[in-house]
Amino acid sequence: MEEYLTAKQVAKYLQVKPLTVYQWARTNKIPAVKIGRIWRFKKDLIDNFLERKPQKSKSKKSKKSPKK
């Protein structure tokens, strides 16, 4: 049987706020289905979403030229 998650569960899984999950769902940035007023997220599609998402570098190196 397929596993569906709530927005709150997805938020915890992705370590973001539930509001962010709702915004992503409304703008089709994350795979979701709306049943009445409730959003549901298929877990395997969320996992695929994570695998496709490009990773952002957490460290930003400054490219300042040395002073003379």
N, C-alpha and C. Protein backbone atom coordinates (compact mmCIF):
# COMPACT_ATOMS: atom_id res chain seq x y z
N MET A 1 0.83 -1.19 0.00
CA MET A 1 0.00 0.00 0.00
C MET A 1 0.88 1.26 0.00
N GLU A 2 0.48 2.25 -0.76
CA GLU A 2 1.24 3.48 -0.87
C GLU A 2 1.11 4.30 0.41
N GLU A 3 2.21 4.95 0.78
CA GLU A 3 2.21 5.75 2.00
C GLU A 3 2.03 7.23 1.65
N TYR A 4 1.03 7.85 2.26
CA TYR A 4 0.78 9.28 2.07
C TYR A 4 1.09 10.01 3.37
N LEU A 5 1.66 11.19 3.23
CA LEU A 5 2.04 12.00 4.38
C LEU A 5 1.22 13.28 4.42
N THR A 6 1.09 13.84 5.61
CA THR A 6 0.46 15.15 5.77
C THR A 6 1.52 16.22 5.54
N ALA A 7 1.08 17.46 5.40
CA ALA A 7 2.03 18.57 5.22
C ALA A 7 2.95 18.68 6.44
N LYS A 8 2.41 18.45 7.61
CA LYS A 8 3.21 18.53 8.84
C LYS A 8 4.29 17.45 8.85
N GLN A 9 3.94 16.25 8.41
CA GLN A 9 4.92 15.16 8.34
C GLN A 9 6.00 15.45 7.30
N VAL A 10 5.59 15.99 6.17
CA VAL A 10 6.56 16.34 5.12
C VAL A 10 7.49 17.44 5.62
N ALA A 11 6.95 18.41 6.32
CA ALA A 11 7.76 19.50 6.85
C ALA A 11 8.82 18.96 7.81
N LYS A 12 8.42 18.05 8.66
CA LYS A 12 9.38 17.46 9.60
C LYS A 12 10.43 16.65 8.84
N TYR A 13 10.00 15.89 7.84
CA TYR A 13 10.89 15.06 7.03
C TYR A 13 11.92 15.91 6.27
N LEU A 14 11.46 17.05 5.74
CA LEU A 14 12.34 17.93 4.96
C LEU A 14 13.03 18.99 5.80
N GLN A 15 12.67 19.06 7.08
CA GLN A 15 13.23 20.05 8.01
C GLN A 15 12.96 21.48 7.56
N VAL A 16 11.69 21.71 7.21
CA VAL A 16 11.23 23.05 6.85
C VAL A 16 9.92 23.29 7.61
N LYS A 17 9.42 24.50 7.54
CA LYS A 17 8.16 24.83 8.19
C LYS A 17 6.98 24.31 7.36
N PRO A 18 5.88 23.93 8.03
CA PRO A 18 4.70 23.48 7.28
C PRO A 18 4.20 24.51 6.27
N LEU A 19 4.30 25.79 6.60
CA LEU A 19 3.89 26.84 5.67
C LEU A 19 4.67 26.74 4.36
N THR A 20 5.94 26.43 4.45
CA THR A 20 6.78 26.26 3.25
C THR A 20 6.26 25.12 2.40
N VAL A 21 5.89 24.01 3.03
CA VAL A 21 5.37 22.85 2.30
C VAL A 21 4.07 23.23 1.58
N TYR A 22 3.18 23.97 2.26
CA TYR A 22 1.93 24.40 1.63
C TYR A 22 2.21 25.32 0.42
N GLN A 23 3.16 26.23 0.58
CA GLN A 23 3.49 27.14 -0.52
C GLN A 23 4.06 26.36 -1.71
N TRP A 24 4.94 25.40 -1.44
CA TRP A 24 5.51 24.58 -2.51
C TRP A 24 4.42 23.78 -3.21
N ALA A 25 3.47 23.26 -2.44
CA ALA A 25 2.37 22.46 -3.02
C ALA A 25 1.50 23.33 -3.92
N ARG A 26 1.16 24.53 -3.45
CA ARG A 26 0.30 25.43 -4.24
C ARG A 26 0.97 25.87 -5.53
N THR A 27 2.30 25.97 -5.53
CA THR A 27 3.02 26.44 -6.71
C THR A 27 3.64 25.29 -7.52
N ASN A 28 3.24 24.07 -7.19
CA ASN A 28 3.71 22.87 -7.90
C ASN A 28 5.22 22.66 -7.83
N LYS A 29 5.85 23.13 -6.77
CA LYS A 29 7.28 22.91 -6.60
C LYS A 29 7.57 21.57 -5.95
N ILE A 30 6.53 20.97 -5.37
CA ILE A 30 6.66 19.68 -4.72
C ILE A 30 5.44 18.84 -5.13
N PRO A 31 5.63 17.55 -5.39
CA PRO A 31 4.48 16.74 -5.81
C PRO A 31 3.47 16.56 -4.68
N ALA A 32 2.21 16.87 -4.96
CA ALA A 32 1.16 16.81 -3.95
C ALA A 32 -0.20 16.65 -4.60
N VAL A 33 -1.15 16.18 -3.81
CA VAL A 33 -2.53 16.08 -4.27
C VAL A 33 -3.40 16.70 -3.19
N LYS A 34 -4.40 17.46 -3.63
CA LYS A 34 -5.31 18.09 -2.69
C LYS A 34 -6.63 17.33 -2.71
N ILE A 35 -7.01 16.83 -1.55
CA ILE A 35 -8.27 16.10 -1.40
C ILE A 35 -9.18 16.98 -0.56
N GLY A 36 -10.13 17.61 -1.22
CA GLY A 36 -10.95 18.60 -0.52
C GLY A 36 -10.09 19.79 -0.13
N ARG A 37 -9.96 20.03 1.15
CA ARG A 37 -9.12 21.14 1.64
C ARG A 37 -7.78 20.66 2.18
N ILE A 38 -7.53 19.35 2.10
CA ILE A 38 -6.34 18.77 2.73
C ILE A 38 -5.32 18.34 1.68
N TRP A 39 -4.07 18.74 1.88
CA TRP A 39 -2.98 18.33 1.01
C TRP A 39 -2.43 17.00 1.50
N ARG A 40 -2.10 16.12 0.56
CA ARG A 40 -1.45 14.84 0.86
C ARG A 40 -0.25 14.69 -0.07
N PHE A 41 0.77 14.01 0.44
CA PHE A 41 2.04 13.88 -0.26
C PHE A 41 2.45 12.41 -0.27
N LYS A 42 2.67 11.86 -1.45
CA LYS A 42 3.08 10.48 -1.59
C LYS A 42 4.57 10.38 -1.24
N LYS A 43 4.89 9.54 -0.27
CA LYS A 43 6.26 9.50 0.25
C LYS A 43 7.29 9.20 -0.82
N ASP A 44 7.03 8.24 -1.70
CA ASP A 44 8.03 7.91 -2.72
C ASP A 44 8.26 9.07 -3.69
N LEU A 45 7.22 9.88 -3.95
CA LEU A 45 7.39 11.06 -4.81
C LEU A 45 8.21 12.14 -4.10
N ILE A 46 8.04 12.25 -2.80
CA ILE A 46 8.84 13.21 -2.02
C ILE A 46 10.30 12.78 -2.05
N ASP A 47 10.56 11.48 -1.90
CA ASP A 47 11.93 10.97 -1.98
C ASP A 47 12.55 11.25 -3.35
N ASN A 48 11.77 11.04 -4.41
CA ASN A 48 12.26 11.35 -5.77
C ASN A 48 12.52 12.84 -5.93
N PHE A 49 11.67 13.66 -5.35
CA PHE A 49 11.83 15.12 -5.38
C PHE A 49 13.17 15.50 -4.76
N LEU A 50 13.51 14.86 -3.64
CA LEU A 50 14.78 15.15 -2.96
C LEU A 50 15.98 14.73 -3.81
N GLU A 51 15.86 13.62 -4.47
CA GLU A 51 16.97 13.13 -5.29
C GLU A 51 17.22 14.02 -6.50
N ARG A 52 16.15 14.60 -7.06
CA ARG A 52 16.28 15.47 -8.25
C ARG A 52 16.73 16.86 -7.90
N LYS A 53 16.46 17.31 -6.68
CA LYS A 53 16.74 18.68 -6.27
C LYS A 53 18.24 18.92 -6.23
N PRO A 54 18.75 19.94 -6.94
CA PRO A 54 20.19 20.23 -6.88
C PRO A 54 20.58 20.69 -5.48
N GLN A 55 21.73 20.23 -5.04
CA GLN A 55 22.23 20.59 -3.71
C GLN A 55 22.90 21.96 -3.77
N LYS A 56 22.57 22.80 -2.80
CA LYS A 56 23.21 24.11 -2.72
C LYS A 56 24.38 24.01 -1.77
N SER A 57 25.45 24.67 -2.12
CA SER A 57 26.63 24.69 -1.27
C SER A 57 26.33 25.53 -0.03
N LYS A 58 26.68 25.00 1.12
CA LYS A 58 26.44 25.73 2.37
C LYS A 58 27.55 26.71 2.67
N SER A 59 28.73 26.47 2.14
CA SER A 59 29.84 27.39 2.42
C SER A 59 30.06 28.29 1.22
N LYS A 60 30.06 29.57 1.49
CA LYS A 60 30.30 30.55 0.43
C LYS A 60 31.67 31.17 0.66
N LYS A 61 32.56 30.93 -0.28
CA LYS A 61 33.90 31.48 -0.15
C LYS A 61 33.95 32.84 -0.83
N SER A 62 34.54 33.76 -0.15
CA SER A 62 34.69 35.10 -0.69
C SER A 62 35.82 35.12 -1.69
N LYS A 63 35.59 35.75 -2.82
CA LYS A 63 36.63 35.83 -3.86
C LYS A 63 37.20 37.24 -3.91
N LYS A 64 37.64 37.71 -2.77
CA LYS A 64 38.26 39.04 -2.71
C LYS A 64 39.72 38.92 -3.11
N SER A 65 40.18 39.89 -3.85
CA SER A 65 41.58 39.87 -4.21
C SER A 65 42.40 40.41 -3.04
N PRO A 66 43.58 39.82 -2.82
CA PRO A 66 44.41 40.27 -1.69
C PRO A 66 44.86 41.71 -1.87
N LYS A 67 44.91 42.44 -0.76
CA LYS A 67 45.37 43.83 -0.80
C LYS A 67 46.88 43.87 -0.93
N LYS A 68 47.36 44.88 -1.66
CA LYS A 68 48.82 45.02 -1.85
C LYS A 68 49.36 46.11 -0.99
